[in-house]
Amino acid sequence: MNLFLLRHGLAVEPGAAGHGKDADRPLTPKGERKLWRAAQAMKALDLSFDLILSSPYLRARQTAAIVAKAFDVKDRLELSNSLAPGNPPRKVIESLRRLPMPGDVLLVGHEPGLSQLISLLLSGDSGVSIAMKKGGLCKLAAESLRAGRCASLEWLLTPKQMALLDC
């Protein structure tokens, strides 16, 4: 299976007027534009997604919706509370293991949870320092998922690198 991890795009700052709750912070217009370009870069990489799982937080849902629309797979987009901020990476793994395993899964979430998940799947420990930029994308390959050394890192792209792929 290929596991893709996408950090949500640029969002309204915490505490901004009209956006009191963290879960309700939307993407900024700039964040939306950058994600549309990132989705085009994903298409240029010839990616496909059998399933898109997103955090229920607004900025992540909006990020996932942009990718789902760009790939014309809105019917494959689902929300997962395990991807909400503050949940341990093991909860995400447990959530994924309950699903019939498709070949290519995109997870849309937040930091530090995504980096901790990558670290756990690569090393067996969630303490490896990994920098996931907003709008950054990571690809892991795994035969099966478990909490510990089950995946290999294929690549980790920053938004600037993805912009170079935009065709």
C-alpha atoms as a PDB file:
ATOM      1  CA  MET A   1       0.000   0.000   0.000  1.00  0.00           C
ATOM      2  CA  ASN A   2       1.036   3.561  -0.631  1.00  0.00           C
ATOM      3  CA  LEU A   3       0.284   5.991   2.136  1.00  0.00           C
ATOM      4  CA  PHE A   4       0.355   9.691   1.285  1.00  0.00           C
ATOM      5  CA  LEU A   5       0.311  12.284   4.066  1.00  0.00           C
ATOM      6  CA  LEU A   6      -0.672  15.857   3.262  1.00  0.00           C
ATOM      7  CA  ARG A   7      -0.551  18.667   5.786  1.00  0.00           C
ATOM      8  CA  HIS A   8      -3.396  21.153   5.455  1.00  0.00           C
ATOM      9  CA  GLY A   9      -2.681  24.431   3.692  1.00  0.00           C
ATOM     10  CA  LEU A  10      -2.239  27.932   5.054  1.00  0.00           C
ATOM     11  CA  ALA A  11      -5.101  28.752   7.430  1.00  0.00           C
ATOM     12  CA  VAL A  12      -6.467  31.762   9.272  1.00  0.00           C
ATOM     13  CA  GLU A  13      -4.362  32.468  12.355  1.00  0.00           C
ATOM     14  CA  PRO A  14      -5.591  31.165  15.728  1.00  0.00           C
ATOM     15  CA  GLY A  15      -7.781  33.705  17.509  1.00  0.00           C
ATOM     16  CA  ALA A  16      -8.617  35.650  14.340  1.00  0.00           C
ATOM     17  CA  ALA A  17     -11.920  37.516  14.499  1.00  0.00           C
ATOM     18  CA  GLY A  18     -14.856  35.254  13.730  1.00  0.00           C
ATOM     19  CA  HIS A  19     -12.800  32.075  14.091  1.00  0.00           C
ATOM     20  CA  GLY A  20     -12.729  31.453  17.823  1.00  0.00           C
ATOM     21  CA  LYS A  21     -12.491  27.674  17.799  1.00  0.00           C
ATOM     22  CA  ASP A  22      -9.375  26.045  16.367  1.00  0.00           C
ATOM     23  CA  ALA A  23     -11.504  23.452  14.586  1.00  0.00           C
ATOM     24  CA  ASP A  24     -13.314  26.217  12.676  1.00  0.00           C
ATOM     25  CA  ARG A  25     -10.271  27.976  11.177  1.00  0.00           C
ATOM     26  CA  PRO A  26     -10.565  27.952   7.363  1.00  0.00           C
ATOM     27  CA  LEU A  27      -7.865  28.073   4.714  1.00  0.00           C
ATOM     28  CA  THR A  28      -6.836  31.528   3.608  1.00  0.00           C
ATOM     29  CA  PRO A  29      -7.398  32.469  -0.045  1.00  0.00           C
ATOM     30  CA  LYS A  30      -3.626  32.127  -0.541  1.00  0.00           C
ATOM     31  CA  GLY A  31      -3.757  28.702   1.110  1.00  0.00           C
ATOM     32  CA  GLU A  32      -6.534  27.613  -1.272  1.00  0.00           C
ATOM     33  CA  ARG A  33      -4.577  28.825  -4.333  1.00  0.00           C
ATOM     34  CA  LYS A  34      -1.433  27.004  -3.208  1.00  0.00           C
ATOM     35  CA  LEU A  35      -3.368  23.794  -2.643  1.00  0.00           C
ATOM     36  CA  TRP A  36      -4.914  23.939  -6.100  1.00  0.00           C
ATOM     37  CA  ARG A  37      -1.371  24.169  -7.486  1.00  0.00           C
ATOM     38  CA  ALA A  38      -0.274  21.321  -5.206  1.00  0.00           C
ATOM     39  CA  ALA A  39      -3.155  19.177  -6.473  1.00  0.00           C
ATOM     40  CA  GLN A  40      -2.013  19.845 -10.038  1.00  0.00           C
ATOM     41  CA  ALA A  41       1.514  18.806  -9.032  1.00  0.00           C
ATOM     42  CA  MET A  42       0.095  15.588  -7.566  1.00  0.00           C
ATOM     43  CA  LYS A  43      -1.590  14.940 -10.890  1.00  0.00           C
ATOM     44  CA  ALA A  44       1.701  15.649 -12.686  1.00  0.00           C
ATOM     45  CA  LEU A  45       3.248  12.942 -10.460  1.00  0.00           C
ATOM     46  CA  ASP A  46       0.525  10.619 -11.787  1.00  0.00           C
ATOM     47  CA  LEU A  47      -0.796   9.904  -8.288  1.00  0.00           C
ATOM     48  CA  SER A  48      -4.191   8.376  -7.618  1.00  0.00           C
ATOM     49  CA  PHE A  49      -6.133   7.809  -4.417  1.00  0.00           C
ATOM     50  CA  ASP A  50      -8.450   4.931  -3.583  1.00  0.00           C
ATOM     51  CA  LEU A  51      -9.380   6.690  -0.338  1.00  0.00           C
ATOM     52  CA  ILE A  52      -8.899  10.171   1.113  1.00  0.00           C
ATOM     53  CA  LEU A  53      -9.169  10.419   4.904  1.00  0.00           C
ATOM     54  CA  SER A  54      -9.264  13.862   6.448  1.00  0.00           C
ATOM     55  CA  SER A  55      -9.230  15.385   9.877  1.00  0.00           C
ATOM     56  CA  PRO A  56     -12.662  16.835  10.676  1.00  0.00           C
ATOM     57  CA  TYR A  57     -11.117  20.294  11.270  1.00  0.00           C
ATOM     58  CA  LEU A  58     -12.272  22.798   8.655  1.00  0.00           C
ATOM     59  CA  ARG A  59      -8.857  23.620   7.177  1.00  0.00           C
ATOM     60  CA  ALA A  60      -8.064  19.930   6.672  1.00  0.00           C
ATOM     61  CA  ARG A  61     -11.527  19.216   5.217  1.00  0.00           C
ATOM     62  CA  GLN A  62     -11.070  22.082   2.771  1.00  0.00           C
ATOM     63  CA  THR A  63      -7.611  20.789   1.816  1.00  0.00           C
ATOM     64  CA  ALA A  64      -8.965  17.276   1.240  1.00  0.00           C
ATOM     65  CA  ALA A  65     -11.926  18.626  -0.751  1.00  0.00           C
ATOM     66  CA  ILE A  66      -9.610  20.527  -3.104  1.00  0.00           C
ATOM     67  CA  VAL A  67      -7.603  17.374  -3.820  1.00  0.00           C
ATOM     68  CA  ALA A  68     -10.753  15.242  -4.166  1.00  0.00           C
ATOM     69  CA  LYS A  69     -12.228  17.713  -6.638  1.00  0.00           C
ATOM     70  CA  ALA A  70      -8.995  17.978  -8.656  1.00  0.00           C
ATOM     71  CA  PHE A  71      -8.848  14.168  -8.921  1.00  0.00           C
ATOM     72  CA  ASP A  72     -12.623  13.808  -9.403  1.00  0.00           C
ATOM     73  CA  VAL A  73     -12.882  11.429  -6.430  1.00  0.00           C
ATOM     74  CA  LYS A  74     -15.223  13.320  -4.073  1.00  0.00           C
ATOM     75  CA  ASP A  75     -16.991  10.022  -3.355  1.00  0.00           C
ATOM     76  CA  ARG A  76     -13.754   8.651  -1.851  1.00  0.00           C
ATOM     77  CA  LEU A  77     -13.396  11.402   0.762  1.00  0.00           C
ATOM     78  CA  GLU A  78     -14.145  10.477   4.375  1.00  0.00           C
ATOM     79  CA  LEU A  79     -13.553  12.187   7.707  1.00  0.00           C
ATOM     80  CA  SER A  80     -11.619  10.497  10.490  1.00  0.00           C
ATOM     81  CA  ASN A  81     -11.525  11.795  14.055  1.00  0.00           C
ATOM     82  CA  SER A  82      -8.233   9.934  14.495  1.00  0.00           C
ATOM     83  CA  LEU A  83      -6.585  12.618  12.311  1.00  0.00           C
ATOM     84  CA  ALA A  84      -7.759  15.503  14.533  1.00  0.00           C
ATOM     85  CA  PRO A  85      -5.017  17.354  16.426  1.00  0.00           C
ATOM     86  CA  GLY A  86      -3.948  15.784  19.698  1.00  0.00           C
ATOM     87  CA  ASN A  87      -4.656  12.172  18.770  1.00  0.00           C
ATOM     88  CA  PRO A  88      -1.696   9.807  19.062  1.00  0.00           C
ATOM     89  CA  PRO A  89      -0.375   8.280  15.818  1.00  0.00           C
ATOM     90  CA  ARG A  90      -1.304   4.797  17.026  1.00  0.00           C
ATOM     91  CA  LYS A  91      -4.961   5.837  16.870  1.00  0.00           C
ATOM     92  CA  VAL A  92      -4.565   6.664  13.164  1.00  0.00           C
ATOM     93  CA  ILE A  93      -2.978   3.253  12.544  1.00  0.00           C
ATOM     94  CA  GLU A  94      -5.810   1.497  14.413  1.00  0.00           C
ATOM     95  CA  SER A  95      -8.346   3.458  12.378  1.00  0.00           C
ATOM     96  CA  LEU A  96      -6.665   2.490   9.103  1.00  0.00           C
ATOM     97  CA  ARG A  97      -6.396  -1.176  10.071  1.00  0.00           C
ATOM     98  CA  ARG A  98     -10.197  -1.353  10.507  1.00  0.00           C
ATOM     99  CA  LEU A  99     -10.744  -0.341   6.877  1.00  0.00           C
ATOM    100  CA  PRO A 100     -10.584  -2.644   3.892  1.00  0.00           C
ATOM    101  CA  MET A 101      -7.114  -1.700   2.717  1.00  0.00           C
ATOM    102  CA  PRO A 102      -7.035   0.104  -0.588  1.00  0.00           C
ATOM    103  CA  GLY A 103      -3.777   0.493  -2.467  1.00  0.00           C
ATOM    104  CA  ASP A 104      -3.335   4.279  -2.291  1.00  0.00           C
ATOM    105  CA  VAL A 105      -4.555   6.277   0.714  1.00  0.00           C
ATOM    106  CA  LEU A 106      -4.215  10.025   1.256  1.00  0.00           C
ATOM    107  CA  LEU A 107      -4.303  11.234   4.860  1.00  0.00           C
ATOM    108  CA  VAL A 108      -4.935  14.954   5.386  1.00  0.00           C
ATOM    109  CA  GLY A 109      -4.108  16.288   8.810  1.00  0.00           C
ATOM    110  CA  HIS A 110      -2.043  18.458  11.108  1.00  0.00           C
ATOM    111  CA  GLU A 111       1.292  18.829  12.785  1.00  0.00           C
ATOM    112  CA  PRO A 112       2.803  17.413  14.868  1.00  0.00           C
ATOM    113  CA  GLY A 113       0.543  14.387  14.362  1.00  0.00           C
ATOM    114  CA  LEU A 114       1.526  13.665  10.761  1.00  0.00           C
ATOM    115  CA  SER A 115       5.263  13.845  11.513  1.00  0.00           C
ATOM    116  CA  GLN A 116       4.790  11.598  14.540  1.00  0.00           C
ATOM    117  CA  LEU A 117       2.879   9.095  12.387  1.00  0.00           C
ATOM    118  CA  ILE A 118       5.618   9.107   9.741  1.00  0.00           C
ATOM    119  CA  SER A 119       8.251   8.631  12.446  1.00  0.00           C
ATOM    120  CA  LEU A 120       6.362   5.745  14.070  1.00  0.00           C
ATOM    121  CA  LEU A 121       5.818   3.914  10.777  1.00  0.00           C
ATOM    122  CA  LEU A 122       9.465   4.355   9.744  1.00  0.00           C
ATOM    123  CA  SER A 123      11.334   3.831  12.997  1.00  0.00           C
ATOM    124  CA  GLY A 124       8.961   2.374  15.562  1.00  0.00           C
ATOM    125  CA  ASP A 125       9.231   5.572  17.621  1.00  0.00           C
ATOM    126  CA  SER A 126       7.326   8.821  17.230  1.00  0.00           C
ATOM    127  CA  GLY A 127      10.273  10.982  18.273  1.00  0.00           C
ATOM    128  CA  VAL A 128      12.177  11.266  14.979  1.00  0.00           C
ATOM    129  CA  SER A 129      12.240  14.920  13.915  1.00  0.00           C
ATOM    130  CA  ILE A 130      10.461  15.388  10.586  1.00  0.00           C
ATOM    131  CA  ALA A 131       9.428  18.771   9.178  1.00  0.00           C
ATOM    132  CA  MET A 132       6.070  18.753   7.377  1.00  0.00           C
ATOM    133  CA  LYS A 133       5.419  22.185   5.891  1.00  0.00           C
ATOM    134  CA  LYS A 134       1.847  23.405   5.403  1.00  0.00           C
ATOM    135  CA  GLY A 135       0.798  21.868   2.095  1.00  0.00           C
ATOM    136  CA  GLY A 136       3.735  19.422   2.196  1.00  0.00           C
ATOM    137  CA  LEU A 137       3.275  15.858   0.947  1.00  0.00           C
ATOM    138  CA  CYS A 138       4.934  12.609   1.998  1.00  0.00           C
ATOM    139  CA  LYS A 139       4.795   9.161   0.409  1.00  0.00           C
ATOM    140  CA  LEU A 140       5.338   5.992   2.427  1.00  0.00           C
ATOM    141  CA  ALA A 141       5.191   2.415   1.143  1.00  0.00           C
ATOM    142  CA  ALA A 142       4.125  -0.433   3.444  1.00  0.00           C
ATOM    143  CA  GLU A 143       3.155  -4.075   3.096  1.00  0.00           C
ATOM    144  CA  SER A 144       0.918  -3.793   6.169  1.00  0.00           C
ATOM    145  CA  LEU A 145       0.404  -1.185   8.853  1.00  0.00           C
ATOM    146  CA  ARG A 146       1.403  -1.575  12.465  1.00  0.00           C
ATOM    147  CA  ALA A 147       2.775   0.690  15.153  1.00  0.00           C
ATOM    148  CA  GLY A 148       6.427   0.295  14.325  1.00  0.00           C
ATOM    149  CA  ARG A 149       8.956  -0.057  11.500  1.00  0.00           C
ATOM    150  CA  CYS A 150       6.607  -1.209   8.764  1.00  0.00           C
ATOM    151  CA  ALA A 151       7.055   1.467   6.091  1.00  0.00           C
ATOM    152  CA  SER A 152       9.721   2.945   3.895  1.00  0.00           C
ATOM    153  CA  LEU A 153      10.014   6.597   2.950  1.00  0.00           C
ATOM    154  CA  GLU A 154       9.600   7.107  -0.786  1.00  0.00           C
ATOM    155  CA  TRP A 155       9.728  10.916  -0.684  1.00  0.00           C
ATOM    156  CA  LEU A 156       8.853  14.049   1.289  1.00  0.00           C
ATOM    157  CA  LEU A 157       8.056  17.184  -0.719  1.00  0.00           C
ATOM    158  CA  THR A 158       7.762  20.762   0.430  1.00  0.00           C
ATOM    159  CA  PRO A 159       5.173  23.052  -1.178  1.00  0.00           C
ATOM    160  CA  LYS A 160       7.979  24.855  -3.048  1.00  0.00           C
ATOM    161  CA  GLN A 161       9.185  21.576  -4.546  1.00  0.00           C
ATOM    162  CA  MET A 162       5.635  20.675  -5.517  1.00  0.00           C
ATOM    163  CA  ALA A 163       5.238  24.063  -7.231  1.00  0.00           C
ATOM    164  CA  LEU A 164       8.162  23.116  -9.483  1.00  0.00           C
ATOM    165  CA  LEU A 165       6.223  20.014 -10.569  1.00  0.00           C
ATOM    166  CA  ASP A 166       3.078  21.938 -11.460  1.00  0.00           C
ATOM    167  CA  CYS A 167       2.556  21.421 -15.159  1.00  0.00           C
END
